[in-house]
PDB file of N, CA and C in Angstrom:
ATOM      1  N   MET A   1     122.025 137.646 127.715  1.00  0.00           N
ATOM      2  CA  MET A   1     123.144 136.141 127.491  1.00  0.00           C
ATOM      3  C   MET A   1     122.793 134.465 128.696  1.00  0.00           C
ATOM      4  N   ARG A   2     122.067 135.278 129.912  1.00  0.00           N
ATOM      5  CA  ARG A   2     120.457 134.518 130.309  1.00  0.00           C
ATOM      6  C   ARG A   2     120.210 133.334 128.852  1.00  0.00           C
ATOM      7  N   ILE A   3     119.879 133.972 128.428  1.00  0.00           N
ATOM      8  CA  ILE A   3     118.404 133.780 127.694  1.00  0.00           C
ATOM      9  C   ILE A   3     118.800 133.070 126.713  1.00  0.00           C
ATOM     10  N   ALA A   4     119.880 133.291 125.980  1.00  0.00           N
ATOM     11  CA  ALA A   4     120.716 132.156 124.936  1.00  0.00           C
ATOM     12  C   ALA A   4     121.133 130.526 125.710  1.00  0.00           C
ATOM     13  N   ILE A   5     121.537 130.840 126.575  1.00  0.00           N
ATOM     14  CA  ILE A   5     122.194 129.308 127.235  1.00  0.00           C
ATOM     15  C   ILE A   5     120.069 128.747 127.551  1.00  0.00           C
ATOM     16  N   CYS A   6     119.171 130.026 128.135  1.00  0.00           N
ATOM     17  CA  CYS A   6     118.122 128.686 128.492  1.00  0.00           C
ATOM     18  C   CYS A   6     117.538 128.518 127.804  1.00  0.00           C
ATOM     19  N   LEU A   7     117.680 128.798 126.589  1.00  0.00           N
ATOM     20  CA  LEU A   7     116.790 128.586 125.238  1.00  0.00           C
ATOM     21  C   LEU A   7     117.141 127.639 124.832  1.00  0.00           C
ATOM     22  N   PRO A   8     118.612 127.008 124.578  1.00  0.00           N
ATOM     23  CA  PRO A   8     119.044 125.695 123.832  1.00  0.00           C
ATOM     24  C   PRO A   8     118.567 124.390 125.138  1.00  0.00           C
ATOM     25  N   ALA A   9     118.544 124.914 125.994  1.00  0.00           N
ATOM     26  CA  ALA A   9     118.913 124.081 127.004  1.00  0.00           C
ATOM     27  C   ALA A   9     117.160 123.688 127.244  1.00  0.00           C
ATOM     28  N   LEU A  10     116.266 123.958 127.465  1.00  0.00           N
ATOM     29  CA  LEU A  10     115.100 124.602 127.411  1.00  0.00           C
ATOM     30  C   LEU A  10     114.184 123.621 126.616  1.00  0.00           C
ATOM     31  N   GLY A  11     114.538 123.975 125.183  1.00  0.00           N
ATOM     32  CA  GLY A  11     114.650 122.269 124.061  1.00  0.00           C
ATOM     33  C   GLY A  11     115.012 121.402 123.957  1.00  0.00           C
ATOM     34  N   LEU A  12     116.271 121.351 124.584  1.00  0.00           N
ATOM     35  CA  LEU A  12     116.750 120.155 124.852  1.00  0.00           C
ATOM     36  C   LEU A  12     116.121 118.543 125.889  1.00  0.00           C
ATOM     37  N   LEU A  13     115.450 119.625 126.709  1.00  0.00           N
ATOM     38  CA  LEU A  13     114.648 119.122 127.490  1.00  0.00           C
ATOM     39  C   LEU A  13     112.934 119.160 127.550  1.00  0.00           C
ATOM     40  N   THR A  14     112.932 119.447 126.136  1.00  0.00           N
ATOM     41  CA  THR A  14     111.082 119.367 126.274  1.00  0.00           C
ATOM     42  C   THR A  14     111.370 118.550 124.760  1.00  0.00           C
ATOM     43  N   ALA A  15     112.593 118.531 124.097  1.00  0.00           N
ATOM     44  CA  ALA A  15     112.780 116.904 123.114  1.00  0.00           C
ATOM     45  C   ALA A  15     112.818 115.720 123.547  1.00  0.00           C
ATOM     46  N   CYS A  16     112.990 115.740 124.889  1.00  0.00           N
ATOM     47  CA  CYS A  16     113.550 114.437 125.543  1.00  0.00           C
ATOM     48  C   CYS A  16     111.890 114.216 126.112  1.00  0.00           C
ATOM     49  N   SER A  17     111.531 114.700 126.528  1.00  0.00           N
ATOM     50  CA  SER A  17     109.751 114.712 127.307  1.00  0.00           C
ATOM     51  C   SER A  17     108.719 113.948 126.080  1.00  0.00           C
ATOM     52  N   VAL A  18     109.134 114.058 125.251  1.00  0.00           N
ATOM     53  CA  VAL A  18     108.341 113.890 123.985  1.00  0.00           C
ATOM     54  C   VAL A  18     108.525 112.273 123.856  1.00  0.00           C
ATOM     55  N   VAL A  19     109.667 111.773 123.786  1.00  0.00           N
ATOM     56  CA  VAL A  19     110.676 109.828 123.279  1.00  0.00           C
ATOM     57  C   VAL A  19     109.585 108.802 124.430  1.00  0.00           C
ATOM     58  N   PRO A  20     108.554 108.359 123.905  1.00  0.00           N
ATOM     59  CA  PRO A  20     108.493 107.540 124.404  1.00  0.00           C
ATOM     60  C   PRO A  20     109.157 106.514 125.459  1.00  0.00           C
ATOM     61  N   SER A  21     109.036 105.891 126.438  1.00  0.00           N
ATOM     62  CA  SER A  21     109.088 105.289 127.518  1.00  0.00           C
ATOM     63  C   SER A  21     109.406 103.805 126.341  1.00  0.00           C
ATOM     64  N   GLN A  22     109.208 103.230 125.603  1.00  0.00           N
ATOM     65  CA  GLN A  22     109.757 102.497 125.106  1.00  0.00           C
ATOM     66  C   GLN A  22     110.919 102.312 123.905  1.00  0.00           C
ATOM     67  N   ALA A  23     111.580 103.291 123.815  1.00  0.00           N
ATOM     68  CA  ALA A  23     112.100 104.172 123.183  1.00  0.00           C
ATOM     69  C   ALA A  23     113.194 103.800 124.313  1.00  0.00           C
ATOM     70  N   TRP A  24     113.373 104.157 124.880  1.00  0.00           N
ATOM     71  CA  TRP A  24     114.381 104.218 126.063  1.00  0.00           C
ATOM     72  C   TRP A  24     115.175 102.857 126.186  1.00  0.00           C
ATOM     73  N   THR A  25     114.256 101.625 126.001  1.00  0.00           N
ATOM     74  CA  THR A  25     114.802 100.516 126.593  1.00  0.00           C
ATOM     75  C   THR A  25     114.786  99.605 125.347  1.00  0.00           C
ATOM     76  N   PHE A  26     114.240  99.520 124.372  1.00  0.00           N
ATOM     77  CA  PHE A  26     113.890  99.065 122.712  1.00  0.00           C
ATOM     78  C   PHE A  26     115.922  98.816 122.730  1.00  0.00           C
ATOM     79  N   GLU A  27     115.771  97.567 122.809  1.00  0.00           N
ATOM     80  CA  GLU A  27     116.786  96.960 121.960  1.00  0.00           C
ATOM     81  C   GLU A  27     117.171  96.174 120.799  1.00  0.00           C
ATOM     82  N   PRO A  28     117.717  96.229 119.661  1.00  0.00           N
ATOM     83  CA  PRO A  28     117.290  95.733 118.137  1.00  0.00           C
ATOM     84  C   PRO A  28     117.695  94.521 118.485  1.00  0.00           C
ATOM     85  N   THR A  29     118.433  94.014 119.075  1.00  0.00           N
ATOM     86  CA  THR A  29     119.947  92.399 119.260  1.00  0.00           C
ATOM     87  C   THR A  29     118.015  91.479 119.895  1.00  0.00           C
ATOM     88  N   GLN A  30     117.327  92.205 120.467  1.00  0.00           N
ATOM     89  CA  GLN A  30     116.199  90.674 120.957  1.00  0.00           C
ATOM     90  C   GLN A  30     115.110  91.483 120.574  1.00  0.00           C
ATOM     91  N   PRO A  31     114.392  91.217 119.697  1.00  0.00           N
ATOM     92  CA  PRO A  31     113.236  91.045 119.070  1.00  0.00           C
ATOM     93  C   PRO A  31     112.001  91.074 119.651  1.00  0.00           C
ATOM     94  N   GLN A  32     111.137  92.006 120.454  1.00  0.00           N
ATOM     95  CA  GLN A  32     110.203  91.365 120.711  1.00  0.00           C
ATOM     96  C   GLN A  32     109.386  90.441 120.411  1.00  0.00           C
ATOM     97  N   ALA A  33     108.710  89.251 120.869  1.00  0.00           N
ATOM     98  CA  ALA A  33     107.473  88.417 120.781  1.00  0.00           C
ATOM     99  C   ALA A  33     106.873  88.600 120.413  1.00  0.00           C
ATOM    100  N   LYS A  34     105.863  88.101 119.309  1.00  0.00           N
ATOM    101  CA  LYS A  34     104.919  88.803 118.763  1.00  0.00           C
ATOM    102  C   LYS A  34     103.761  87.646 119.678  1.00  0.00           C
ATOM    103  N   PRO A  35     102.540  88.410 120.134  1.00  0.00           N
ATOM    104  CA  PRO A  35     101.813  87.905 120.980  1.00  0.00           C
ATOM    105  C   PRO A  35     101.424  86.440 119.930  1.00  0.00           C
ATOM    106  N   ALA A  36     100.465  85.458 121.019  1.00  0.00           N
ATOM    107  CA  ALA A  36     100.105  84.097 119.942  1.00  0.00           C
ATOM    108  C   ALA A  36      99.008  83.886 120.092  1.00  0.00           C
ATOM    109  N   LEU A  37      98.511  83.696 119.508  1.00  0.00           N
ATOM    110  CA  LEU A  37      96.975  82.694 118.997  1.00  0.00           C
ATOM    111  C   LEU A  37      96.858  81.881 119.817  1.00  0.00           C
ATOM    112  N   ALA A  38      95.480  80.999 120.170  1.00  0.00           N
ATOM    113  CA  ALA A  38      95.737  79.167 120.007  1.00  0.00           C
ATOM    114  C   ALA A  38      95.006  79.209 118.538  1.00  0.00           C
ATOM    115  N   THR A  39      95.663  78.175 117.974  1.00  0.00           N
ATOM    116  CA  THR A  39      95.125  77.321 116.838  1.00  0.00           C
ATOM    117  C   THR A  39      94.017  77.858 116.310  1.00  0.00           C
ATOM    118  N   ALA A  40      93.034  77.357 117.061  1.00  0.00           N
ATOM    119  CA  ALA A  40      91.696  77.305 116.811  1.00  0.00           C
ATOM    120  C   ALA A  40      91.577  79.049 116.261  1.00  0.00           C
ATOM    121  N   GLU A  41      91.790  79.880 116.762  1.00  0.00           N
ATOM    122  CA  GLU A  41      91.812  80.749 116.385  1.00  0.00           C
ATOM    123  C   GLU A  41      92.051  81.329 115.223  1.00  0.00           C
ATOM    124  N   VAL A  42      93.254  81.059 115.193  1.00  0.00           N
ATOM    125  CA  VAL A  42      94.105  81.596 113.897  1.00  0.00           C
ATOM    126  C   VAL A  42      93.420  80.580 112.498  1.00  0.00           C
ATOM    127  N   LEU A  43      92.745  79.234 113.153  1.00  0.00           N
ATOM    128  CA  LEU A  43      92.268  78.833 111.757  1.00  0.00           C
ATOM    129  C   LEU A  43      90.689  79.212 111.714  1.00  0.00           C
ATOM    130  N   ALA A  44      90.139  80.211 112.467  1.00  0.00           N
ATOM    131  CA  ALA A  44      88.938  80.841 112.631  1.00  0.00           C
ATOM    132  C   ALA A  44      88.910  82.141 111.623  1.00  0.00           C
ATOM    133  N   LEU A  45      89.885  82.962 112.126  1.00  0.00           N
ATOM    134  CA  LEU A  45      91.223  83.911 111.376  1.00  0.00           C
ATOM    135  C   LEU A  45      90.987  83.454 109.826  1.00  0.00           C
ATOM    136  N   THR A  46      92.084  82.494 110.135  1.00  0.00           N
ATOM    137  CA  THR A  46      92.653  82.271 108.479  1.00  0.00           C
ATOM    138  C   THR A  46      90.836  82.431 107.134  1.00  0.00           C
ATOM    139  N   ASP A  47      90.550  81.032 107.987  1.00  0.00           N
ATOM    140  CA  ASP A  47      89.073  80.637 107.362  1.00  0.00           C
ATOM    141  C   ASP A  47      88.236  81.931 106.719  1.00  0.00           C
ATOM    142  N   ARG A  48      87.742  82.619 108.102  1.00  0.00           N
ATOM    143  CA  ARG A  48      87.720  84.195 107.918  1.00  0.00           C
ATOM    144  C   ARG A  48      87.993  85.195 106.220  1.00  0.00           C
ATOM    145  N   THR A  49      88.776  85.395 106.940  1.00  0.00           N
ATOM    146  CA  THR A  49      89.830  85.805 105.268  1.00  0.00           C
ATOM    147  C   THR A  49      89.875  85.420 104.030  1.00  0.00           C
ATOM    148  N   ALA A  50      90.211  84.056 103.936  1.00  0.00           N
ATOM    149  CA  ALA A  50      89.748  83.289 102.848  1.00  0.00           C
ATOM    150  C   ALA A  50      88.400  84.452 102.486  1.00  0.00           C
ATOM    151  N   GLN A  51      87.354  83.378 102.954  1.00  0.00           N
ATOM    152  CA  GLN A  51      86.229  83.803 102.210  1.00  0.00           C
ATOM    153  C   GLN A  51      86.221  85.433 102.065  1.00  0.00           C
ATOM    154  N   LEU A  52      86.043  86.325 103.308  1.00  0.00           N
ATOM    155  CA  LEU A  52      86.173  87.314 101.974  1.00  0.00           C
ATOM    156  C   LEU A  52      87.085  87.831 101.084  1.00  0.00           C
ATOM    157  N   GLN A  53      88.131  86.635 101.212  1.00  0.00           N
ATOM    158  CA  GLN A  53      89.214  87.153  99.539  1.00  0.00           C
ATOM    159  C   GLN A  53      88.603  86.644  98.512  1.00  0.00           C
ATOM    160  N   LEU A  54      87.913  85.777  98.407  1.00  0.00           N
ATOM    161  CA  LEU A  54      87.089  85.322  97.624  1.00  0.00           C
ATOM    162  C   LEU A  54      86.274  86.637  97.729  1.00  0.00           C
ATOM    163  N   GLU A  55      85.262  86.873  98.163  1.00  0.00           N
ATOM    164  CA  GLU A  55      84.537  87.531  98.305  1.00  0.00           C
ATOM    165  C   GLU A  55      84.704  88.405  97.430  1.00  0.00           C
ATOM    166  N   ARG A  56      85.915  89.624  97.892  1.00  0.00           N
ATOM    167  CA  ARG A  56      86.069  90.584  97.307  1.00  0.00           C
ATOM    168  C   ARG A  56      86.727  90.194  95.667  1.00  0.00           C
ATOM    169  N   ASN A  57      86.845  89.386  95.373  1.00  0.00           N
ATOM    170  CA  ASN A  57      87.220  88.620  94.113  1.00  0.00           C
ATOM    171  C   ASN A  57      86.244  88.536  93.327  1.00  0.00           C
ATOM    172  N   THR A  58      85.155  88.068  94.028  1.00  0.00           N
ATOM    173  CA  THR A  58      83.900  87.872  92.947  1.00  0.00           C
ATOM    174  C   THR A  58      83.219  89.471  92.613  1.00  0.00           C
ATOM    175  N   ILE A  59      83.365  90.835  93.552  1.00  0.00           N
ATOM    176  CA  ILE A  59      82.935  91.653  93.293  1.00  0.00           C
ATOM    177  C   ILE A  59      83.499  92.669  92.614  1.00  0.00           C
ATOM    178  N   ARG A  60      85.000  92.515  92.112  1.00  0.00           N
ATOM    179  CA  ARG A  60      85.764  92.421  91.308  1.00  0.00           C
ATOM    180  C   ARG A  60      85.557  92.169  90.102  1.00  0.00           C
ATOM    181  N   ALA A  61      85.398  90.972  90.040  1.00  0.00           N
ATOM    182  CA  ALA A  61      85.325  91.000  88.743  1.00  0.00           C
ATOM    183  C   ALA A  61      83.317  91.586  88.123  1.00  0.00           C
ATOM    184  N   ARG A  62      82.674  91.731  89.156  1.00  0.00           N
ATOM    185  CA  ARG A  62      81.128  91.908  88.414  1.00  0.00           C
ATOM    186  C   ARG A  62      81.369  93.278  88.266  1.00  0.00           C
ATOM    187  N   ILE A  63      82.550  94.548  88.869  1.00  0.00           N
ATOM    188  CA  ILE A  63      82.949  95.703  88.398  1.00  0.00           C
ATOM    189  C   ILE A  63      83.526  94.986  87.201  1.00  0.00           C
ATOM    190  N   ALA A  64      84.820  94.866  86.624  1.00  0.00           N
ATOM    191  CA  ALA A  64      85.489  94.410  85.153  1.00  0.00           C
ATOM    192  C   ALA A  64      83.933  94.205  84.681  1.00  0.00           C
ATOM    193  N   ASN A  65      83.052  93.757  84.567  1.00  0.00           N
ATOM    194  CA  ASN A  65      81.747  92.869  83.701  1.00  0.00           C
ATOM    195  C   ASN A  65      80.880  94.016  83.218  1.00  0.00           C
ATOM    196  N   GLU A  66      80.871  95.418  84.673  1.00  0.00           N
ATOM    197  CA  GLU A  66      78.921  96.045  84.843  1.00  0.00           C
ATOM    198  C   GLU A  66      80.192  97.297  83.489  1.00  0.00           C
ATOM    199  N   PRO A  67      79.357  97.541  82.161  1.00  0.00           N
ATOM    200  CA  PRO A  67      79.436  98.741  82.025  1.00  0.00           C
ATOM    201  C   PRO A  67      79.556  99.889  82.191  1.00  0.00           C
ATOM    202  N   ASP A  68      78.464 100.196  82.562  1.00  0.00           N
ATOM    203  CA  ASP A  68      77.938 100.915  83.056  1.00  0.00           C
ATOM    204  C   ASP A  68      78.401 101.527  84.620  1.00  0.00           C
ATOM    205  N   ALA A  69      78.840 103.028  84.513  1.00  0.00           N
ATOM    206  CA  ALA A  69      79.608 103.363  85.448  1.00  0.00           C
ATOM    207  C   ALA A  69      79.210 103.677  86.872  1.00  0.00           C
ATOM    208  N   ARG A  70      77.236 104.496  87.128  1.00  0.00           N
ATOM    209  CA  ARG A  70      75.987 104.048  87.770  1.00  0.00           C
ATOM    210  C   ARG A  70      75.758 103.583  88.227  1.00  0.00           C
ATOM    211  N   LYS A  71      76.242 102.201  87.458  1.00  0.00           N
ATOM    212  CA  LYS A  71      75.825 100.912  88.717  1.00  0.00           C
ATOM    213  C   LYS A  71      76.852  99.905  89.042  1.00  0.00           C
ATOM    214  N   ARG A  72      77.976 100.912  88.542  1.00  0.00           N
ATOM    215  CA  ARG A  72      79.409 100.292  89.633  1.00  0.00           C
ATOM    216  C   ARG A  72      78.795 100.554  90.479  1.00  0.00           C
ATOM    217  N   LEU A  73      78.315 101.687  91.042  1.00  0.00           N
ATOM    218  CA  LEU A  73      78.748 102.678  92.759  1.00  0.00           C
ATOM    219  C   LEU A  73      78.583 101.977  93.561  1.00  0.00           C
ATOM    220  N   PRO A  74      76.960 101.530  93.518  1.00  0.00           N
ATOM    221  CA  PRO A  74      76.396 100.083  94.640  1.00  0.00           C
ATOM    222  C   PRO A  74      77.947  99.017  94.761  1.00  0.00           C
ATOM    223  N   ILE A  75      77.875  98.825  93.532  1.00  0.00           N
ATOM    224  CA  ILE A  75      79.304  97.598  93.796  1.00  0.00           C
ATOM    225  C   ILE A  75      80.563  97.642  94.093  1.00  0.00           C
ATOM    226  N   TYR A  76      80.800  98.920  93.876  1.00  0.00           N
ATOM    227  CA  TYR A  76      82.698  99.922  94.792  1.00  0.00           C
ATOM    228  C   TYR A  76      82.037  99.636  95.960  1.00  0.00           C
ATOM    229  N   GLU A  77      80.123 100.507  96.438  1.00  0.00           N
ATOM    230  CA  GLU A  77      80.892 100.203  98.007  1.00  0.00           C
ATOM    231  C   GLU A  77      80.267  98.641  98.832  1.00  0.00           C
ATOM    232  N   SER A  78      80.272  97.781  98.274  1.00  0.00           N
ATOM    233  CA  SER A  78      80.299  96.539  98.998  1.00  0.00           C
ATOM    234  C   SER A  78      81.354  95.968  98.636  1.00  0.00           C
ATOM    235  N   LEU A  79      82.207  96.303  98.001  1.00  0.00           N
ATOM    236  CA  LEU A  79      84.201  96.596  97.967  1.00  0.00           C
ATOM    237  C   LEU A  79      84.485  96.845  99.004  1.00  0.00           C
ATOM    238  N   HIS A  80      84.196  98.169  99.246  1.00  0.00           N
ATOM    239  CA  HIS A  80      84.513  99.245  99.906  1.00  0.00           C
ATOM    240  C   HIS A  80      84.303  97.971 101.784  1.00  0.00           C
ATOM    241  N   ARG A  81      83.153  97.397 102.046  1.00  0.00           N
ATOM    242  CA  ARG A  81      82.779  96.883 102.895  1.00  0.00           C
ATOM    243  C   ARG A  81      83.620  95.641 103.175  1.00  0.00           C
ATOM    244  N   ILE A  82      84.010  95.319 102.260  1.00  0.00           N
ATOM    245  CA  ILE A  82      84.578  94.225 101.976  1.00  0.00           C
ATOM    246  C   ILE A  82      85.937  94.142 102.518  1.00  0.00           C
ATOM    247  N   GLY A  83      86.251  95.232 102.079  1.00  0.00           N
ATOM    248  CA  GLY A  83      87.842  95.717 102.403  1.00  0.00           C
ATOM    249  C   GLY A  83      88.338  96.428 103.454  1.00  0.00           C
ATOM    250  N   MET A  84      87.107  97.109 104.549  1.00  0.00           N
ATOM    251  CA  MET A  84      86.867  97.303 105.723  1.00  0.00           C
ATOM    252  C   MET A  84      87.281  96.403 106.401  1.00  0.00           C
ATOM    253  N   GLU A  85      86.122  95.361 106.159  1.00  0.00           N
ATOM    254  CA  GLU A  85      86.423  93.545 107.006  1.00  0.00           C
ATOM    255  C   GLU A  85      87.587  93.587 106.727  1.00  0.00           C
ATOM    256  N   LEU A  86      88.291  93.526 106.189  1.00  0.00           N
ATOM    257  CA  LEU A  86      89.156  92.064 105.735  1.00  0.00           C
ATOM    258  C   LEU A  86      90.312  92.907 106.160  1.00  0.00           C
ATOM    259  N   SER A  87      91.435  94.215 105.992  1.00  0.00           N
ATOM    260  CA  SER A  87      91.760  94.664 106.123  1.00  0.00           C
ATOM    261  C   SER A  87      92.433  94.580 108.437  1.00  0.00           C
ATOM    262  N   PRO A  88      91.117  94.657 109.010  1.00  0.00           N
ATOM    263  CA  PRO A  88      92.205  94.249 110.457  1.00  0.00           C
ATOM    264  C   PRO A  88      91.868  93.070 110.494  1.00  0.00           C
ATOM    265  N   LEU A  89      91.349  91.951 109.841  1.00  0.00           N
ATOM    266  CA  LEU A  89      92.412  90.483 109.751  1.00  0.00           C
ATOM    267  C   LEU A  89      93.331  90.212 109.926  1.00  0.00           C
ATOM    268  N   GLU A  90      93.693  91.177 108.789  1.00  0.00           N
ATOM    269  CA  GLU A  90      95.196  90.177 107.746  1.00  0.00           C
ATOM    270  C   GLU A  90      95.742  91.362 108.551  1.00  0.00           C
ATOM    271  N   ARG A  91      95.555  92.468 109.417  1.00  0.00           N
ATOM    272  CA  ARG A  91      96.598  92.654 110.292  1.00  0.00           C
ATOM    273  C   ARG A  91      97.198  92.198 111.631  1.00  0.00           C
ATOM    274  N   ARG A  92      96.149  92.162 112.222  1.00  0.00           N
ATOM    275  CA  ARG A  92      95.350  90.723 113.320  1.00  0.00           C
ATOM    276  C   ARG A  92      97.094  89.588 113.090  1.00  0.00           C
ATOM    277  N   LEU A  93      96.257  88.574 112.006  1.00  0.00           N
ATOM    278  CA  LEU A  93      96.937  87.593 111.244  1.00  0.00           C
ATOM    279  C   LEU A  93      98.640  87.433 111.199  1.00  0.00           C
ATOM    280  N   ALA A  94      98.635  88.727 110.350  1.00  0.00           N
ATOM    281  CA  ALA A  94     100.746  89.471 110.314  1.00  0.00           C
ATOM    282  C   ALA A  94     100.885  89.920 111.331  1.00  0.00           C
ATOM    283  N   SER A  95     100.311  90.406 112.409  1.00  0.00           N
ATOM    284  CA  SER A  95     101.357  90.369 113.394  1.00  0.00           C
ATOM    285  C   SER A  95     101.410  89.692 114.844  1.00  0.00           C
ATOM    286  N   THR A  96     100.598  88.539 115.053  1.00  0.00           N
ATOM    287  CA  THR A  96     100.018  87.715 115.975  1.00  0.00           C
ATOM    288  C   THR A  96     100.942  85.887 115.345  1.00  0.00           C
ATOM    289  N   ALA A  97     101.743  85.601 116.072  1.00  0.00           N
ATOM    290  CA  ALA A  97     102.032  84.018 116.042  1.00  0.00           C
ATOM    291  C   ALA A  97     101.339  82.874 116.391  1.00  0.00           C
ATOM    292  N   ALA A  98     100.866  82.118 115.159  1.00  0.00           N
ATOM    293  CA  ALA A  98     100.363  80.971 116.323  1.00  0.00           C
ATOM    294  C   ALA A  98     101.168  80.223 117.424  1.00  0.00           C
ATOM    295  N   ALA A  99     100.093  79.809 118.223  1.00  0.00           N
ATOM    296  CA  ALA A  99     100.878  78.994 119.420  1.00  0.00           C
ATOM    297  C   ALA A  99     101.238  77.443 119.330  1.00  0.00           C
ATOM    298  N   ARG A 100     102.212  76.990 119.582  1.00  0.00           N
ATOM    299  CA  ARG A 100     102.477  75.540 119.611  1.00  0.00           C
ATOM    300  C   ARG A 100     102.444  74.816 120.336  1.00  0.00           C
TER     301      ARG A 100
END
């Protein structure tokens, strides 16, 4: 009988221990402020993002014009490299607010 009572109680206690501390203080009516970046840094990130997007579009056009699949493989590698560099920049721009 004691086991039938202790096991559910132990299960409830262990479930509470995996909840992160931020979840206990989260207030949905007051969202967290986005971290701010300096305007110069935002401009630099935006310029680099635009440059990489142009490179990505150029590479996609090269892929579309290449009929041989074996010759497309190195082009896909460069497209992947551009995407790996572009993704964190876009994520950072989306998650921050520009300082005013």
